[in-house]
Protein backbone atom coordinates (compact mmCIF):
# COMPACT_ATOMS: atom_id res chain seq x y z
CA UNK A 1 -13.18 1.01 33.03
CA UNK A 2 -10.86 -1.55 31.43
CA UNK A 3 -10.03 -1.92 27.76
CA UNK A 4 -12.98 -3.19 25.69
CA UNK A 5 -11.51 -2.49 22.24
CA UNK A 6 -13.98 -2.92 19.41
CA UNK A 7 -17.03 -3.60 21.60
CA UNK A 8 -20.10 -1.40 21.29
CA UNK A 9 -23.84 -1.30 21.85
CA UNK A 10 -25.44 -4.07 23.89
CA UNK A 11 -22.23 -6.13 23.95
CA UNK A 12 -20.30 -3.22 25.47
CA UNK A 13 -22.96 -2.66 28.14
CA UNK A 14 -23.05 -6.39 28.93
CA UNK A 15 -19.31 -6.48 29.57
CA UNK A 16 -19.16 -3.16 31.41
CA UNK A 17 -21.84 -4.35 33.85
CA UNK A 18 -19.63 -7.35 34.68
CA UNK A 19 -16.53 -5.17 35.07
CA UNK A 20 -14.78 -7.17 32.34
CA UNK A 21 -11.89 -6.06 30.14
CA UNK A 22 -10.02 -7.51 27.17
CA UNK A 23 -7.62 -10.17 28.43
CA UNK A 24 -9.80 -11.19 31.41
CA UNK A 25 -10.81 -14.82 31.85
CA UNK A 26 -14.62 -14.97 31.80
CA UNK A 27 -17.16 -17.60 32.77
CA UNK A 28 -20.10 -17.06 30.45
CA UNK A 29 -23.52 -18.64 31.12
CA UNK A 30 -25.58 -19.48 28.05
CA UNK A 31 -28.89 -21.23 27.42
CA UNK A 32 -26.96 -24.32 26.33
CA UNK A 33 -24.38 -24.38 29.15
CA UNK A 34 -21.33 -22.58 30.55
CA UNK A 35 -18.11 -21.72 28.75
CA UNK A 36 -14.87 -20.24 30.05
CA UNK A 37 -12.27 -18.32 28.03
CA UNK A 38 -10.27 -15.12 27.55
CA UNK A 39 -12.08 -12.05 26.27
CA UNK A 40 -10.79 -11.09 22.82
CA UNK A 41 -11.03 -7.57 21.30
CA UNK A 42 -13.49 -7.08 18.45
CA UNK A 43 -12.81 -5.60 15.06
CA UNK A 44 -13.73 -1.95 14.61
CA UNK A 45 -16.69 -2.80 12.37
CA UNK A 46 -17.96 -5.77 14.36
CA UNK A 47 -21.61 -5.67 15.47
CA UNK A 48 -22.82 -4.94 19.01
CA UNK A 49 -24.61 -8.25 19.54
CA UNK A 50 -21.71 -10.64 20.12
CA UNK A 51 -18.72 -11.14 22.39
CA UNK A 52 -15.68 -13.22 21.46
CA UNK A 53 -13.63 -15.36 23.82
CA UNK A 54 -10.59 -17.57 23.29
CA UNK A 55 -10.96 -21.11 24.63
CA UNK A 56 -8.16 -23.11 26.26
CA UNK A 57 -8.02 -25.15 23.04
CA UNK A 58 -6.78 -22.03 21.26
CA UNK A 59 -9.95 -21.51 19.21
CA UNK A 60 -11.94 -18.26 19.29
CA UNK A 61 -15.71 -18.51 19.65
CA UNK A 62 -18.32 -15.83 19.10
CA UNK A 63 -21.26 -15.79 21.52
CA UNK A 64 -24.60 -14.17 20.71
CA UNK A 65 -26.03 -12.00 23.49
CA UNK A 66 -29.44 -13.53 22.84
CA UNK A 67 -28.13 -16.85 24.17
CA UNK A 68 -26.39 -15.42 27.25
CA UNK A 69 -27.82 -15.09 30.75
CA UNK A 70 -24.78 -13.82 32.63
CA UNK A 71 -21.03 -13.43 32.83
CA UNK A 72 -18.49 -13.53 35.66
CA UNK A 73 -14.85 -12.45 35.68
CA UNK A 74 -12.87 -15.48 36.82
CA UNK A 75 -9.43 -13.87 36.63
CA UNK A 76 -8.16 -10.44 35.69
CA UNK A 77 -5.77 -10.41 32.77
CA UNK A 78 -3.16 -8.01 31.53
CA UNK A 79 -3.90 -5.88 28.53
CA UNK A 80 -2.24 -7.46 25.45
CA UNK A 81 1.24 -6.03 25.09
CA UNK A 82 4.51 -6.71 23.39
CA UNK A 83 8.08 -5.99 24.51
CA UNK A 84 10.52 -6.25 21.61
CA UNK A 85 14.06 -7.51 22.07
CA UNK A 86 16.86 -5.01 21.87
CA UNK A 87 18.17 -4.62 18.31
CA UNK A 88 21.66 -6.04 17.79
CA UNK A 89 24.54 -3.67 17.20
CA UNK A 90 25.41 -3.38 13.49
CA UNK A 91 28.89 -4.03 12.19
CA UNK A 92 31.05 -1.02 11.38
CA UNK A 93 31.57 -0.05 7.76
CA UNK A 94 28.13 -1.14 6.58
CA UNK A 95 25.96 1.19 4.46
CA UNK A 96 23.54 3.52 6.23
CA UNK A 97 19.85 2.86 5.50
CA UNK A 98 16.92 4.91 6.78
CA UNK A 99 13.99 2.64 7.66
CA UNK A 100 10.73 4.61 7.59
CA UNK A 101 7.62 3.07 9.12
CA UNK A 102 4.12 3.98 7.91
CA UNK A 103 2.04 1.03 9.18
CA UNK A 104 0.43 -1.95 7.46
CA UNK A 105 0.64 -5.71 7.98
CA UNK A 106 4.42 -5.64 7.97
CA UNK A 107 4.13 -3.43 11.10
CA UNK A 108 1.62 -5.56 13.00
CA UNK A 109 1.63 -8.68 15.11
CA UNK A 110 -0.71 -11.31 16.47
CA UNK A 111 -1.27 -11.49 20.20
CA UNK A 112 -1.45 -15.26 20.54
CA UNK A 113 -3.23 -15.07 23.89
CA UNK A 114 -6.23 -13.31 22.38
CA UNK A 115 -5.81 -14.12 18.69
CA UNK A 116 -6.12 -10.47 17.67
CA UNK A 117 -3.96 -8.73 15.07
CA UNK A 118 -2.64 -5.49 16.53
CA UNK A 119 -0.62 -2.61 15.00
CA UNK A 120 2.08 -3.05 17.62
CA UNK A 121 5.34 -3.05 15.72
CA UNK A 122 7.31 0.14 15.14
CA UNK A 123 10.30 0.50 12.86
CA UNK A 124 12.53 -0.12 15.89
CA UNK A 125 10.62 -3.30 16.74
CA UNK A 126 10.87 -4.54 13.16
CA UNK A 127 14.63 -4.04 13.35
CA UNK A 128 14.77 -5.97 16.61
CA UNK A 129 12.57 -8.80 15.35
CA UNK A 130 14.71 -9.25 12.23
CA UNK A 131 18.28 -9.26 13.65
CA UNK A 132 19.73 -10.19 10.24
CA UNK A 133 19.28 -6.53 9.26
CA UNK A 134 22.34 -5.67 11.33
CA UNK A 135 24.43 -7.89 9.09
CA UNK A 136 23.58 -5.95 5.92
CA UNK A 137 23.27 -2.29 6.98
CA UNK A 138 23.37 0.29 9.73
CA UNK A 139 19.62 0.69 10.00
CA UNK A 140 18.24 3.94 11.37
CA UNK A 141 14.55 3.32 12.14
CA UNK A 142 12.01 6.14 12.16
CA UNK A 143 8.24 5.91 12.33
CA UNK A 144 6.50 8.68 10.37
CA UNK A 145 2.90 7.52 10.75
CA UNK A 146 1.07 4.37 11.81
CA UNK A 147 -2.04 4.07 9.65
CA UNK A 148 -3.79 1.54 7.48
CA UNK A 149 -2.72 2.01 3.87
CA UNK A 150 -6.23 2.88 2.67
CA UNK A 151 -5.88 6.07 4.72
CA UNK A 152 -2.76 7.23 2.86
CA UNK A 153 -3.34 10.55 1.07
CA UNK A 154 -1.32 12.84 -1.23
CA UNK A 155 -0.33 14.78 1.90
CA UNK A 156 1.43 11.64 3.19
CA UNK A 157 3.22 11.23 -0.15
CA UNK A 158 4.52 14.77 0.16
CA UNK A 159 5.83 14.12 3.67
CA UNK A 160 7.52 10.90 2.58
CA UNK A 161 9.15 12.53 -0.45
CA UNK A 162 10.49 15.37 1.65
CA UNK A 163 11.88 12.96 4.24
CA UNK A 164 13.65 10.94 1.55
CA UNK A 165 15.12 14.13 0.08
CA UNK A 166 16.40 15.03 3.55
CA UNK A 167 17.90 11.55 3.92
CA UNK A 168 19.80 12.09 0.67
CA UNK A 169 21.20 15.34 2.07
CA UNK A 170 22.14 13.52 5.29
CA UNK A 171 24.21 11.01 3.38
CA UNK A 172 21.98 7.92 3.56
CA UNK A 173 23.02 5.12 1.19
CA UNK A 174 19.41 4.05 0.76
CA UNK A 175 15.88 4.36 2.15
CA UNK A 176 13.37 1.61 2.95
CA UNK A 177 9.70 2.44 3.54
CA UNK A 178 7.42 -0.14 5.18
CA UNK A 179 3.85 0.22 3.90
CA UNK A 180 0.53 -1.60 3.80
CA UNK A 181 0.17 -3.60 0.60
CA UNK A 182 -3.29 -2.44 -0.48
CA UNK A 183 -2.15 0.99 -1.70
CA UNK A 184 1.57 0.26 -1.93
CA UNK A 185 1.49 0.65 -5.72
CA UNK A 186 -0.03 4.13 -5.49
CA UNK A 187 2.66 5.33 -3.08
CA UNK A 188 5.43 3.78 -5.18
CA UNK A 189 4.15 5.65 -8.24
CA UNK A 190 3.79 8.89 -6.29
CA UNK A 191 7.37 8.75 -5.04
CA UNK A 192 8.61 7.84 -8.53
CA UNK A 193 7.33 11.19 -9.80
CA UNK A 194 8.11 13.26 -6.71
CA UNK A 195 11.67 11.86 -6.45
CA UNK A 196 12.57 11.67 -10.15
CA UNK A 197 16.36 11.42 -10.36
CA UNK A 198 16.80 10.33 -6.74
CA UNK A 199 20.48 9.25 -6.48
CA UNK A 200 19.95 6.32 -4.09
CA UNK A 201 17.63 3.30 -4.02
CA UNK A 202 14.26 3.93 -2.37
CA UNK A 203 12.59 0.60 -1.68
CA UNK A 204 9.00 0.23 -0.53
CA UNK A 205 8.23 -3.05 1.20
CA UNK A 206 5.14 -4.70 2.66
CA UNK A 207 3.93 -8.05 3.89
CA UNK A 208 0.89 -10.21 3.33
CA UNK A 209 1.25 -11.87 6.74
CA UNK A 210 2.29 -10.27 10.02
CA UNK A 211 5.98 -10.64 10.96
CA UNK A 212 5.50 -12.96 13.94
CA UNK A 213 3.58 -15.64 12.01
CA UNK A 214 5.60 -18.72 10.94
CA UNK A 215 4.44 -18.23 7.34
CA UNK A 216 5.19 -14.50 7.30
CA UNK A 217 6.83 -12.97 4.26
CA UNK A 218 7.83 -9.89 6.27
CA UNK A 219 11.36 -10.86 7.43
CA UNK A 220 12.71 -11.88 4.01
CA UNK A 221 11.00 -8.95 2.26
CA UNK A 222 12.56 -6.56 4.76
CA UNK A 223 16.04 -8.11 4.63
CA UNK A 224 16.00 -7.90 0.83
CA UNK A 225 14.74 -4.31 0.83
CA UNK A 226 17.44 -3.15 3.25
CA UNK A 227 20.14 -5.07 1.39
CA UNK A 228 19.14 -3.56 -1.97
CA UNK A 229 18.75 -0.05 -0.55
CA UNK A 230 22.20 -0.17 1.00
CA UNK A 231 24.29 -1.95 -1.61
CA UNK A 232 22.64 -1.96 -5.06
CA UNK A 233 24.53 -0.15 -7.82
CA UNK A 234 21.31 1.36 -9.18
CA UNK A 235 19.00 4.10 -7.92
CA UNK A 236 15.29 4.88 -8.22
CA UNK A 237 12.02 3.86 -6.57
CA UNK A 238 11.14 0.16 -6.30
CA UNK A 239 8.81 -2.29 -4.55
CA UNK A 240 10.27 -5.40 -2.91
CA UNK A 241 7.94 -8.40 -2.42
CA UNK A 242 8.13 -12.19 -2.80
CA UNK A 243 8.69 -13.39 -6.36
CA UNK A 244 6.92 -16.71 -5.72
CA UNK A 245 5.31 -18.64 -2.91
CA UNK A 246 8.64 -20.15 -1.84
CA UNK A 247 10.71 -18.29 0.76
CA UNK A 248 13.83 -17.81 -1.34
CA UNK A 249 13.61 -14.94 -3.85
CA UNK A 250 12.39 -11.34 -3.73
CA UNK A 251 11.30 -9.43 -6.83
CA UNK A 252 12.16 -5.76 -7.30
CA UNK A 253 9.44 -3.97 -9.27
CA UNK A 254 9.66 -0.54 -10.87
CA UNK A 255 7.59 1.96 -8.92
CA UNK A 256 5.34 3.02 -11.82
CA UNK A 257 4.77 -0.45 -13.31
CA UNK A 258 3.77 -2.56 -10.30
CA UNK A 259 0.33 -3.80 -9.30
CA UNK A 260 -1.12 -5.94 -6.51
CA UNK A 261 -2.94 -8.71 -8.38
CA UNK A 262 -3.91 -11.07 -5.55
CA UNK A 263 -5.56 -10.44 -2.21
CA UNK A 264 -3.46 -12.77 -0.06
CA UNK A 265 -0.65 -14.61 -1.86
CA UNK A 266 2.88 -13.74 -0.84
CA UNK A 267 3.71 -13.12 -4.52
CA UNK A 268 0.70 -10.85 -4.99
CA UNK A 269 2.69 -8.11 -6.73
CA UNK A 270 3.56 -8.21 -10.41
CA UNK A 271 5.44 -6.01 -12.85
CA UNK A 272 3.00 -5.25 -15.65
CA UNK A 273 4.29 -5.45 -19.24
CA UNK A 274 7.91 -4.83 -18.18
CA UNK A 275 10.59 -7.24 -16.91
CA UNK A 276 11.47 -7.25 -13.23
CA UNK A 277 13.97 -4.57 -12.26
CA UNK A 278 15.96 -7.09 -10.23
CA UNK A 279 15.75 -10.38 -8.34
CA UNK A 280 17.27 -10.77 -4.88
CA UNK A 281 18.21 -14.14 -3.39
CA UNK A 282 19.62 -15.03 0.00
CA UNK A 283 23.11 -14.46 -1.37
CA UNK A 284 22.27 -10.98 -2.68
CA UNK A 285 21.21 -9.64 -6.07
CA UNK A 286 21.03 -12.46 -8.63
CA UNK A 287 19.74 -10.52 -11.61
CA UNK A 288 19.58 -6.83 -12.50
CA UNK A 289 17.79 -5.58 -15.61
CA UNK A 290 19.67 -3.51 -18.15
CA UNK A 291 19.22 0.23 -18.18
CA UNK A 292 18.46 0.90 -14.51
CA UNK A 293 19.66 4.38 -13.47
CA UNK A 294 22.99 4.47 -11.61
CA UNK A 295 23.59 5.97 -8.20
CA UNK A 296 24.68 9.57 -7.80
CA UNK A 297 22.44 11.26 -10.35
CA UNK A 298 21.43 14.92 -10.29
CA UNK A 299 18.42 15.24 -8.03
CA UNK A 300 15.77 17.92 -7.70
CA UNK A 301 12.70 16.62 -5.83
CA UNK A 302 9.21 17.87 -6.66
CA UNK A 303 7.13 16.59 -3.73
CA UNK A 304 3.84 18.44 -4.12
CA UNK A 305 0.53 16.80 -5.02
CA UNK A 306 -2.96 18.11 -5.69
CA UNK A 307 -5.74 15.60 -5.11
CA UNK A 308 -8.11 17.24 -7.63
CA UNK A 309 -8.10 14.17 -9.91
CA UNK A 310 -10.54 11.29 -10.26
CA UNK A 311 -10.34 7.72 -11.51
CA UNK A 312 -13.56 6.41 -13.07
CA UNK A 313 -14.08 2.84 -14.27
CA UNK A 314 -16.48 2.52 -17.19
CA UNK A 315 -19.14 -0.18 -17.03
CA UNK A 316 -22.23 -1.02 -19.10
CA UNK A 317 -25.08 1.40 -18.24
CA UNK A 318 -22.68 3.78 -16.47
CA UNK A 319 -24.55 7.10 -16.08
CA UNK A 320 -22.87 10.17 -17.50
CA UNK A 321 -23.79 11.87 -14.26
CA UNK A 322 -20.75 10.24 -12.61
CA UNK A 323 -18.51 12.38 -14.80
CA UNK A 324 -20.49 15.46 -13.78
CA UNK A 325 -20.24 14.40 -10.14
CA UNK A 326 -16.47 14.15 -10.40
CA UNK A 327 -16.36 17.66 -11.82
CA UNK A 328 -18.63 19.00 -9.07
CA UNK A 329 -16.34 17.35 -6.51
CA UNK A 330 -13.51 19.48 -7.86
CA UNK A 331 -11.78 17.15 -10.33
CA UNK A 332 -9.54 18.98 -12.79
CA UNK A 333 -8.30 15.75 -14.36
CA UNK A 334 -10.40 12.64 -14.98
CA UNK A 335 -8.68 9.35 -15.72
CA UNK A 336 -11.07 6.89 -17.35
CA UNK A 337 -10.62 3.13 -17.31
CA UNK A 338 -12.21 2.30 -20.64
CA UNK A 339 -12.95 -1.11 -22.07
CA UNK A 340 -10.43 -2.94 -24.21
CA UNK A 341 -8.61 -0.50 -26.47
CA UNK A 342 -10.08 2.45 -24.56
CA UNK A 343 -13.81 2.81 -25.15
CA UNK A 344 -16.80 4.24 -23.26
CA UNK A 345 -20.48 4.65 -24.10
CA UNK A 346 -21.91 7.57 -26.08
CA UNK A 347 -23.47 9.02 -22.92
CA UNK A 348 -20.17 9.00 -21.01
CA UNK A 349 -18.34 10.33 -24.09
CA UNK A 350 -20.77 13.24 -24.24
CA UNK A 351 -20.04 14.17 -20.63
CA UNK A 352 -16.29 13.88 -21.20
CA UNK A 353 -16.62 16.32 -24.12
CA UNK A 354 -18.37 18.82 -21.85
CA UNK A 355 -15.74 18.31 -19.15
CA UNK A 356 -12.95 19.04 -21.65
CA UNK A 357 -14.76 22.12 -22.99
CA UNK A 358 -14.99 23.45 -19.43
CA UNK A 359 -11.19 23.28 -19.11
CA UNK A 360 -10.76 19.82 -17.65
CA UNK A 361 -8.25 17.21 -18.82
CA UNK A 362 -9.70 13.79 -19.67
CA UNK A 363 -7.34 10.82 -20.05
CA UNK A 364 -7.98 7.25 -21.15
CA UNK A 365 -6.49 4.03 -19.80
CA UNK A 366 -7.65 0.43 -20.21
CA UNK A 367 -9.34 -1.91 -17.77
CA UNK A 368 -7.18 -4.67 -19.19
CA UNK A 369 -4.16 -5.29 -16.96
CA UNK A 370 -1.87 -5.93 -19.93
CA UNK A 371 -1.59 -4.39 -23.38
CA UNK A 372 -2.02 -0.82 -24.57
CA UNK A 373 -4.66 1.56 -25.84
CA UNK A 374 -5.38 2.23 -29.49
CA UNK A 375 -8.08 4.81 -30.13
CA UNK A 376 -7.58 4.64 -33.89
CA UNK A 377 -9.10 1.18 -34.49
CA UNK A 378 -12.82 1.84 -33.99
CA UNK A 379 -15.06 4.87 -34.53
CA UNK A 380 -15.62 5.17 -30.77
CA UNK A 381 -11.93 5.69 -30.16
CA UNK A 382 -11.56 8.12 -33.05
CA UNK A 383 -14.47 10.19 -31.75
CA UNK A 384 -12.85 10.32 -28.31
CA UNK A 385 -9.58 11.51 -29.86
CA UNK A 386 -11.33 14.23 -31.87
CA UNK A 387 -13.05 15.60 -28.76
CA UNK A 388 -9.69 15.80 -26.94
CA UNK A 389 -9.52 12.69 -24.76
CA UNK A 390 -5.82 11.95 -24.14
CA UNK A 391 -4.77 8.28 -24.64
CA UNK A 392 -2.13 7.13 -22.14
CA UNK A 393 -0.76 4.10 -23.96
CA UNK A 394 -0.04 1.25 -21.57
CA UNK A 395 0.08 3.38 -18.41
CA UNK A 396 -1.56 1.67 -15.44
CA UNK A 397 -4.76 3.39 -14.37
CA UNK A 398 -3.57 3.73 -10.76
CA UNK A 399 -0.28 5.24 -11.91
CA UNK A 400 -2.15 7.63 -14.21
CA UNK A 401 -4.27 8.87 -11.30
CA UNK A 402 -1.20 9.48 -9.12
CA UNK A 403 0.61 11.15 -12.00
CA UNK A 404 -2.37 13.47 -12.53
CA UNK A 405 -2.21 14.50 -8.87
CA UNK A 406 1.52 15.13 -9.20
CA UNK A 407 1.08 17.11 -12.44
CA UNK A 408 -1.55 19.28 -10.76
CA UNK A 409 0.80 19.70 -7.82
CA UNK A 410 3.37 21.29 -10.12
CA UNK A 411 0.83 23.99 -10.96
CA UNK A 412 0.34 22.77 -14.54
CA UNK A 413 -3.10 23.05 -16.11
CA UNK A 414 -4.70 22.98 -19.51
CA UNK A 415 -2.34 22.19 -22.39
CA UNK A 416 0.71 22.06 -20.13
CA UNK A 417 -0.98 19.44 -17.95
CA UNK A 418 -1.90 17.43 -21.07
CA UNK A 419 1.69 17.57 -22.28
CA UNK A 420 3.07 16.32 -18.95
CA UNK A 421 0.46 13.54 -18.76
CA UNK A 422 1.47 12.33 -22.24
CA UNK A 423 5.23 12.46 -21.55
CA UNK A 424 7.07 9.47 -20.08
CA UNK A 425 8.59 10.96 -16.92
CA UNK A 426 9.35 7.99 -14.66
CA UNK A 427 9.03 4.86 -16.79
CA UNK A 428 5.24 4.88 -16.53
CA UNK A 429 4.77 4.10 -20.23
CA UNK A 430 6.69 1.81 -22.55
CA UNK A 431 7.37 1.83 -26.27
CA UNK A 432 6.47 -1.81 -26.69
CA UNK A 433 4.55 -4.47 -24.83
CA UNK A 434 6.74 -6.88 -22.89
CA UNK A 435 5.89 -10.45 -23.98
CA UNK A 436 6.52 -12.01 -20.55
């Protein structure tokens, strides 16, 4: 049977009976007439009551099975495929950059015959589709995994950290990691802790639009990331994404202070309460912040994580049972997103007290994107402090969760875990709020 990706239930049976496959040209009879088009794959979570075809006009149309009386294969089509061009040969004497692929929009493409987005671009294909990379570095592509970023786990962070450490030993001048944008900030924070002191730039890069679309941000993001990884005078873990909607400048964000704040804009990522680490233009780095760590530092990676941490967002009427549920699920550290300066209800506070008494570590962050906690202003905050809730200043909640997993991965627990959570290890907290 041919490829019927995404189809299920009655729709799958309807197409199988006709001997149809994705890419075939179908003549579909409906109660209102006949329509001809190319069968398009469905999304994984699409229902089983519709089929989708692409008309000659270029538009996709969904057809309800309830309106259809029959279907005939007019012409067999080839399964959607993509053959990348050969990557150009890099110039001699350029820096060596390891390009690690993990998946995401930056590693996908649209098949314009069917209109479907497909995860069809490997690290090698990205290199071939962006030939400018060969003008800035000797890129060594390697695909580690090809998954959607919501499926990234602490185990993946460990593998990535170990591979970067190996690249350092192999003499790489820099490392670029392509990654889906939805959890890019989590991975950047994870590598910031696991690779503290890394002597080369490690740049994570994503895209909001697939690399073969005319409006894609992927090529420029990738060129900037490779350029920075290979030639920048500083080291550390960073995220490279568009600074604005125009296709001219790329922002470099610190790995523990970056957040995705828009679902679809090309400049969706922002540095929170800290200035940008650097700005890259088409001519190279245009601005570098003061105080970035230099290359060649002493490096001792610590790539282990323990996922026994939970992130809970407080909301009005939140049941204290959610704290108990986190504990039953195995959480040893709970990071709370409190309101404003760091507050939760009396019921939730009571459960946090019990969690702490049982040996757990409870930390407080704020739901506010900017600003910092202060548990000394109101009685609620003072009560939380007295019971042992640890305030984390202006640390981002997502970063705090990742840090907790890293702290647990070091084997720390109890007071030692509290001490590490409170200490600024990778620029995750600041001494003052940045006014920008």
